[in-house]
Amino acid sequence: MRANIAFWGVGVVLCTLASARPAGAETIYVTNEKSNDVSVIDGQSLTVVKTIPVGERPRGLVLSKDNKTLYICASDSEEIQALDLDTYELTPVVSTPDPERIDISPDGKLLFVSNEDDNLVSIIDIAARSVVDQIPVGVEPEGMAVSPDGKYVVNTSETTNMAHVIDIASHEIVANVLVDSRPRVAMWTSDGAQVWVSSEVGGTVSVIDAGTFEVVKKIGFQIPGIDAQALQPVGIAITRDRKEAFIALGPANHIAVVDAQTYEVKDYILVGQRVWGITFNPDETRLYSANGLSNDLTVIDVKKLQPIKSIPVGEEPWGSAVRP
């Protein structure tokens, strides 16, 4: 394994060769949890073109299925907010206690939200703008991931150290999967065969078989010269062909590149400080990483496994969503 070496200053845009930057027509939206706003980035110029004030401590975000609305967890405002991406009008959807992460059903009708302080998962009817159910889960729920077929939603509970599998039709928990300490993010593979769960304090990613809901593999990380305690897996992105997975390693300031078939770590990419949420663009030629302490978004060339630009955003960026 080798670590790609680059030097990233706080809030500094790195100049790169134009040939290394693929053209992108997408728009990237970044939640900044300390400055209480969303940075809007043009995918071609890779510059911030607008900053939109939103509720307090925005964290989780997800696009509507028609890509016209961005749903935002305004955690300290205790509200799910909807941002119209054509007019930039911000409206409340529902009030819900300390929402952290959010996902949407494949048919675009329901939102699933982790309520960290109340140990609940809320199910929200988008059209009715109402909470239709709240499901008790473990302590400090965070990760939310709806299966590609819309049958299950997986929630992670940070203190209980479990991934809870909820049947969406019945609203019942059908499996509780023990993982390593402080699970943060759950991510389904596109074929629905596996769920990957990152454990921040445990330092591993658990691969869960979706047929048995049992852990079939745990992936660990090592970077020469970096203390093992700094290797804290959080964000996960898996390619649609399930050939590669990318794991954000928090205060280690790197993203691990994993062979998603053999589970071997192939490489590490140096990014900004305290990398958190990571997101592909639609054709998976780029990966965007929100770096919470350097207040920037790193743009990564997926084919070359190299960072190509750092874009200053707001204070403490948390995650991103990409509109085609």
Protein backbone atom coordinates (compact mmCIF):
# COMPACT_ATOMS: atom_id res chain seq x y z
CA MET A 1 0.00 0.00 0.00
CA ARG A 2 1.13 3.54 -0.60
CA ALA A 3 -0.19 6.88 0.57
CA ASN A 4 -0.65 9.62 -2.02
CA ILE A 5 1.28 12.63 -0.80
CA ALA A 6 -0.03 16.16 -1.12
CA PHE A 7 0.12 19.25 1.08
CA TRP A 8 -3.19 20.85 2.00
CA GLY A 9 -3.29 24.22 3.74
CA VAL A 10 -6.31 25.23 5.75
CA GLY A 11 -8.75 27.02 3.49
CA VAL A 12 -6.28 27.18 0.59
CA VAL A 13 -7.26 26.33 -2.96
CA LEU A 14 -4.67 24.10 -4.58
CA CYS A 15 -3.78 24.78 -8.17
CA THR A 16 -3.69 21.77 -10.48
CA LEU A 17 -3.34 21.06 -14.14
CA ALA A 18 -6.55 21.60 -16.07
CA SER A 19 -6.05 18.26 -17.79
CA ALA A 20 -6.39 16.51 -14.42
CA ARG A 21 -9.85 17.94 -13.88
CA PRO A 22 -12.74 16.23 -15.66
CA ALA A 23 -15.54 18.50 -16.80
CA GLY A 24 -18.55 18.35 -14.50
CA ALA A 25 -21.96 19.84 -15.01
CA GLU A 26 -23.15 18.89 -11.53
CA THR A 27 -23.78 21.14 -8.56
CA ILE A 28 -22.42 20.22 -5.13
CA TYR A 29 -24.16 21.22 -1.89
CA VAL A 30 -22.21 21.20 1.38
CA THR A 31 -23.71 21.52 4.86
CA ASN A 32 -21.57 23.62 7.23
CA GLU A 33 -22.59 22.80 10.77
CA LYS A 34 -20.89 25.72 12.56
CA SER A 35 -21.65 28.57 10.15
CA ASN A 36 -25.26 27.33 9.74
CA ASP A 37 -25.33 27.45 5.97
CA VAL A 38 -25.04 25.46 2.76
CA SER A 39 -22.27 26.13 0.24
CA VAL A 40 -23.31 25.77 -3.41
CA ILE A 41 -20.43 24.74 -5.68
CA ASP A 42 -20.43 24.79 -9.46
CA GLY A 43 -19.11 21.47 -10.75
CA GLN A 44 -17.34 22.95 -13.78
CA SER A 45 -15.50 25.86 -12.20
CA LEU A 46 -15.21 24.10 -8.81
CA THR A 47 -15.93 27.35 -7.01
CA VAL A 48 -18.54 28.38 -4.46
CA VAL A 49 -21.22 30.33 -6.31
CA LYS A 50 -23.68 30.84 -3.45
CA THR A 51 -23.96 30.47 0.32
CA ILE A 52 -27.44 29.86 1.71
CA PRO A 53 -28.32 30.41 5.40
CA VAL A 54 -30.27 27.47 6.84
CA GLY A 55 -31.21 26.23 10.31
CA GLU A 56 -28.81 25.73 13.18
CA ARG A 57 -26.16 23.02 12.90
CA PRO A 58 -27.04 21.53 9.50
CA ARG A 59 -25.67 18.01 9.12
CA GLY A 60 -27.37 15.20 7.19
CA LEU A 61 -28.73 15.97 3.73
CA VAL A 62 -30.39 14.10 0.87
CA LEU A 63 -31.77 15.02 -2.54
CA SER A 64 -35.34 14.36 -3.62
CA LYS A 65 -35.68 11.76 -6.36
CA ASP A 66 -36.42 14.46 -8.96
CA ASN A 67 -33.31 16.39 -7.82
CA LYS A 68 -35.37 19.54 -7.25
CA THR A 69 -35.27 19.65 -3.44
CA LEU A 70 -32.54 19.24 -0.85
CA TYR A 71 -33.71 17.93 2.53
CA ILE A 72 -31.53 19.06 5.43
CA CYS A 73 -31.25 17.98 9.07
CA ALA A 74 -31.05 21.26 11.01
CA SER A 75 -30.04 19.53 14.23
CA ASP A 76 -30.07 22.38 16.76
CA SER A 77 -33.21 23.87 15.18
CA GLU A 78 -34.81 20.42 15.66
CA GLU A 79 -36.24 20.56 12.18
CA ILE A 80 -36.09 18.95 8.76
CA GLN A 81 -35.90 21.70 6.16
CA ALA A 82 -36.52 21.65 2.41
CA LEU A 83 -34.41 23.80 0.10
CA ASP A 84 -35.87 24.42 -3.37
CA LEU A 85 -32.85 24.12 -5.66
CA ASP A 86 -34.29 26.36 -8.36
CA THR A 87 -35.44 29.27 -6.19
CA TYR A 88 -33.33 28.58 -3.06
CA GLU A 89 -36.44 29.05 -0.94
CA LEU A 90 -36.11 27.31 2.43
CA THR A 91 -39.21 25.86 4.07
CA PRO A 92 -39.78 23.65 7.14
CA VAL A 93 -40.92 20.06 6.59
CA VAL A 94 -41.42 18.83 10.16
CA SER A 95 -40.16 19.47 13.66
CA THR A 96 -38.28 16.48 15.03
CA PRO A 97 -35.79 16.22 17.92
CA ASP A 98 -32.08 16.55 17.08
CA PRO A 99 -32.10 15.09 13.57
CA GLU A 100 -28.64 13.99 12.46
CA ARG A 101 -28.73 11.80 9.34
CA ILE A 102 -31.39 11.32 6.70
CA ASP A 103 -32.22 9.05 3.77
CA ILE A 104 -35.09 8.80 1.30
CA SER A 105 -37.18 5.87 0.05
CA PRO A 106 -36.64 4.73 -3.57
CA ASP A 107 -40.12 6.01 -4.52
CA GLY A 108 -39.29 9.42 -3.06
CA LYS A 109 -42.28 9.47 -0.71
CA LEU A 110 -40.69 8.90 2.71
CA LEU A 111 -37.77 10.32 4.66
CA PHE A 112 -36.00 8.35 7.38
CA VAL A 113 -34.28 10.40 10.08
CA SER A 114 -32.12 9.51 13.08
CA ASN A 115 -33.07 11.46 16.22
CA GLU A 116 -29.87 11.30 18.22
CA ASP A 117 -31.01 12.64 21.60
CA ASP A 118 -34.28 10.69 21.75
CA ASN A 119 -33.03 7.28 20.52
CA LEU A 120 -35.56 7.19 17.71
CA VAL A 121 -35.85 6.76 13.96
CA SER A 122 -38.55 9.01 12.52
CA ILE A 123 -40.44 8.16 9.33
CA ILE A 124 -41.70 11.26 7.52
CA ASP A 125 -44.35 11.46 4.82
CA ILE A 126 -43.00 14.12 2.46
CA ALA A 127 -46.30 15.04 0.77
CA ALA A 128 -48.16 15.31 4.07
CA ARG A 129 -45.18 16.92 5.83
CA SER A 130 -45.85 14.83 8.89
CA VAL A 131 -44.14 12.21 11.05
CA VAL A 132 -46.00 8.94 10.48
CA ASP A 133 -44.07 6.85 13.00
CA GLN A 134 -41.15 6.91 15.43
CA ILE A 135 -39.28 3.68 16.06
CA PRO A 136 -37.24 3.21 19.27
CA VAL A 137 -33.68 2.10 18.54
CA GLY A 138 -30.36 2.02 20.42
CA VAL A 139 -28.63 4.87 22.20
CA GLU A 140 -27.43 7.79 20.03
CA PRO A 141 -28.75 6.72 16.64
CA GLU A 142 -26.88 8.17 13.68
CA GLY A 143 -26.42 6.32 10.39
CA MET A 144 -29.43 5.94 8.06
CA ALA A 145 -29.41 3.84 4.89
CA VAL A 146 -32.41 2.64 2.86
CA SER A 147 -31.92 -0.55 0.85
CA PRO A 148 -32.05 -0.22 -2.95
CA ASP A 149 -35.30 -2.24 -3.09
CA GLY A 150 -36.92 -0.09 -0.40
CA LYS A 151 -37.55 -3.05 1.89
CA TYR A 152 -35.24 -2.15 4.77
CA VAL A 153 -33.66 0.84 6.43
CA VAL A 154 -30.53 0.38 8.53
CA ASN A 155 -29.80 2.65 11.48
CA THR A 156 -26.60 2.66 13.52
CA SER A 157 -26.58 3.46 17.25
CA GLU A 158 -23.30 4.94 18.45
CA THR A 159 -23.45 3.90 22.11
CA THR A 160 -25.26 0.57 21.70
CA ASN A 161 -22.74 -0.41 18.99
CA MET A 162 -25.36 -1.93 16.73
CA ALA A 163 -26.81 -1.71 13.27
CA HIS A 164 -30.59 -1.97 13.53
CA VAL A 165 -32.37 -3.40 10.48
CA ILE A 166 -35.92 -2.03 10.21
CA ASP A 167 -38.56 -3.55 7.94
CA ILE A 168 -40.09 -0.53 6.21
CA ALA A 169 -43.49 -2.14 5.61
CA SER A 170 -44.05 -3.17 9.24
CA HIS A 171 -41.87 -0.54 10.96
CA GLU A 172 -40.41 -3.38 13.04
CA ILE A 173 -36.76 -4.08 13.84
CA VAL A 174 -35.98 -7.47 12.29
CA ALA A 175 -32.27 -7.69 13.18
CA ASN A 176 -29.79 -6.10 15.57
CA VAL A 177 -26.23 -6.57 14.35
CA LEU A 178 -23.39 -6.02 16.83
CA VAL A 179 -20.47 -4.08 15.33
CA ASP A 180 -17.39 -2.37 16.75
CA SER A 181 -17.44 0.73 18.93
CA ARG A 182 -19.26 3.90 17.88
CA PRO A 183 -20.79 3.03 14.51
CA ARG A 184 -21.33 6.13 12.41
CA VAL A 185 -22.37 5.43 8.81
CA ALA A 186 -24.27 2.64 7.07
CA MET A 187 -24.06 2.19 3.30
CA TRP A 188 -25.74 -0.41 1.08
CA THR A 189 -24.05 -1.81 -1.99
CA SER A 190 -26.03 -0.96 -5.13
CA ASP A 191 -27.06 -4.59 -5.62
CA GLY A 192 -28.50 -4.73 -2.10
CA ALA A 193 -26.31 -7.70 -1.18
CA GLN A 194 -24.35 -6.02 1.62
CA VAL A 195 -24.43 -3.21 4.17
CA TRP A 196 -21.13 -1.61 5.20
CA VAL A 197 -20.96 0.04 8.65
CA SER A 198 -18.10 2.25 9.86
CA SER A 199 -17.08 2.14 13.53
CA GLU A 200 -15.29 5.35 14.45
CA VAL A 201 -13.74 4.33 17.78
CA GLY A 202 -13.40 0.65 16.89
CA GLY A 203 -11.37 1.63 13.84
CA THR A 204 -13.07 -0.85 11.52
CA VAL A 205 -15.68 -1.22 8.82
CA SER A 206 -18.05 -4.18 9.22
CA VAL A 207 -19.40 -5.81 6.06
CA ILE A 208 -22.86 -7.26 6.74
CA ASP A 209 -24.49 -9.87 4.51
CA ALA A 210 -28.01 -8.68 3.67
CA GLY A 211 -29.35 -12.21 3.42
CA THR A 212 -28.38 -13.30 6.92
CA PHE A 213 -27.69 -9.91 8.55
CA GLU A 214 -24.43 -11.27 9.91
CA VAL A 215 -21.00 -9.66 9.77
CA VAL A 216 -18.93 -11.49 7.16
CA LYS A 217 -15.82 -9.29 7.24
CA LYS A 218 -14.18 -6.56 9.29
CA ILE A 219 -11.77 -4.21 7.56
CA GLY A 220 -9.01 -2.48 9.53
CA PHE A 221 -6.61 0.30 8.56
CA GLN A 222 -2.93 1.13 9.02
CA ILE A 223 -1.01 4.17 7.80
CA PRO A 224 2.72 4.41 8.58
CA GLY A 225 3.46 7.33 10.87
CA ILE A 226 -0.15 7.85 11.97
CA ASP A 227 -1.33 6.74 15.41
CA ALA A 228 -3.88 3.93 15.24
CA GLN A 229 -6.27 5.92 17.45
CA ALA A 230 -6.48 8.59 14.75
CA LEU A 231 -7.75 6.05 12.19
CA GLN A 232 -11.44 6.65 12.76
CA PRO A 233 -13.69 5.40 9.92
CA VAL A 234 -16.75 7.55 9.24
CA GLY A 235 -17.98 8.29 5.70
CA ILE A 236 -18.37 5.47 3.16
CA ALA A 237 -18.78 5.52 -0.63
CA ILE A 238 -18.99 2.32 -2.70
CA THR A 239 -18.90 2.24 -6.50
CA ARG A 240 -22.00 0.91 -8.26
CA ASP A 241 -20.04 -2.01 -9.74
CA ARG A 242 -18.90 -2.89 -6.19
CA LYS A 243 -15.27 -2.94 -7.21
CA GLU A 244 -14.02 -0.18 -4.92
CA ALA A 245 -15.01 1.37 -1.62
CA PHE A 246 -13.75 4.62 -0.15
CA ILE A 247 -13.64 5.13 3.62
CA ALA A 248 -13.12 8.52 5.28
CA LEU A 249 -10.75 8.18 8.24
CA GLY A 250 -11.64 11.30 10.23
CA PRO A 251 -8.69 12.90 12.10
CA ALA A 252 -6.21 10.75 10.16
CA ASN A 253 -6.94 13.15 7.25
CA HIS A 254 -6.96 10.32 4.72
CA ILE A 255 -9.46 8.34 2.68
CA ALA A 256 -8.81 4.60 2.41
CA VAL A 257 -9.32 2.89 -0.95
CA VAL A 258 -10.59 -0.67 -0.50
CA ASP A 259 -11.03 -3.48 -3.01
CA ALA A 260 -14.71 -4.19 -2.37
CA GLN A 261 -14.38 -7.80 -3.56
CA THR A 262 -11.30 -8.90 -1.59
CA TYR A 263 -11.66 -6.28 1.21
CA GLU A 264 -7.97 -5.43 0.92
CA VAL A 265 -6.92 -1.82 1.48
CA LYS A 266 -5.20 -0.72 -1.74
CA ASP A 267 -4.27 2.87 -1.08
CA TYR A 268 -4.73 5.97 1.06
CA ILE A 269 -5.46 9.47 -0.23
CA LEU A 270 -4.39 12.49 1.81
CA VAL A 271 -7.14 15.13 2.02
CA GLY A 272 -8.10 17.95 4.39
CA GLN A 273 -8.33 17.92 8.17
CA ARG A 274 -10.91 15.65 9.83
CA VAL A 275 -12.49 14.22 6.71
CA TRP A 276 -16.11 13.29 7.37
CA GLY A 277 -18.77 12.91 4.67
CA ILE A 278 -17.76 11.64 1.22
CA THR A 279 -19.91 11.58 -1.92
CA PHE A 280 -19.47 10.55 -5.55
CA ASN A 281 -20.57 12.65 -8.49
CA PRO A 282 -23.16 10.92 -10.75
CA ASP A 283 -20.67 9.19 -13.09
CA GLU A 284 -18.29 8.33 -10.22
CA THR A 285 -15.34 10.10 -11.81
CA ARG A 286 -15.00 12.36 -8.78
CA LEU A 287 -15.26 11.90 -5.05
CA TYR A 288 -15.98 14.88 -2.81
CA SER A 289 -14.82 14.92 0.82
CA ALA A 290 -16.04 17.39 3.44
CA ASN A 291 -13.16 18.25 5.79
CA GLY A 292 -14.50 19.60 9.07
CA LEU A 293 -11.41 21.25 10.56
CA SER A 294 -9.79 22.67 7.43
CA ASN A 295 -13.16 24.09 6.30
CA ASP A 296 -12.86 22.83 2.76
CA LEU A 297 -14.09 20.28 0.25
CA THR A 298 -11.49 18.09 -1.45
CA VAL A 299 -12.15 17.03 -5.05
CA ILE A 300 -10.63 13.63 -5.87
CA ASP A 301 -10.02 12.11 -9.30
CA VAL A 302 -11.37 8.58 -8.76
CA LYS A 303 -9.45 6.97 -11.63
CA LYS A 304 -6.10 8.44 -10.59
CA LEU A 305 -6.87 8.25 -6.85
CA GLN A 306 -5.50 11.76 -6.46
CA PRO A 307 -6.87 15.01 -5.03
CA ILE A 308 -7.16 17.68 -7.71
CA LYS A 309 -8.50 20.68 -5.81
CA SER A 310 -9.43 21.98 -2.37
CA ILE A 311 -12.42 24.35 -2.24
CA PRO A 312 -12.90 26.61 0.81
CA VAL A 313 -16.47 26.40 2.13
CA GLY A 314 -18.17 27.39 5.41
CA GLU A 315 -17.24 26.52 8.97
CA GLU A 316 -17.05 22.83 9.86
CA PRO A 317 -18.37 21.23 6.67
CA TRP A 318 -20.18 17.98 7.48
CA GLY A 319 -21.33 16.35 4.26
CA SER A 320 -22.36 16.90 0.67
CA ALA A 321 -24.92 15.98 -1.95
CA VAL A 322 -24.49 16.23 -5.72
CA ARG A 323 -27.20 17.31 -8.16
CA PRO A 324 -26.68 16.14 -11.76
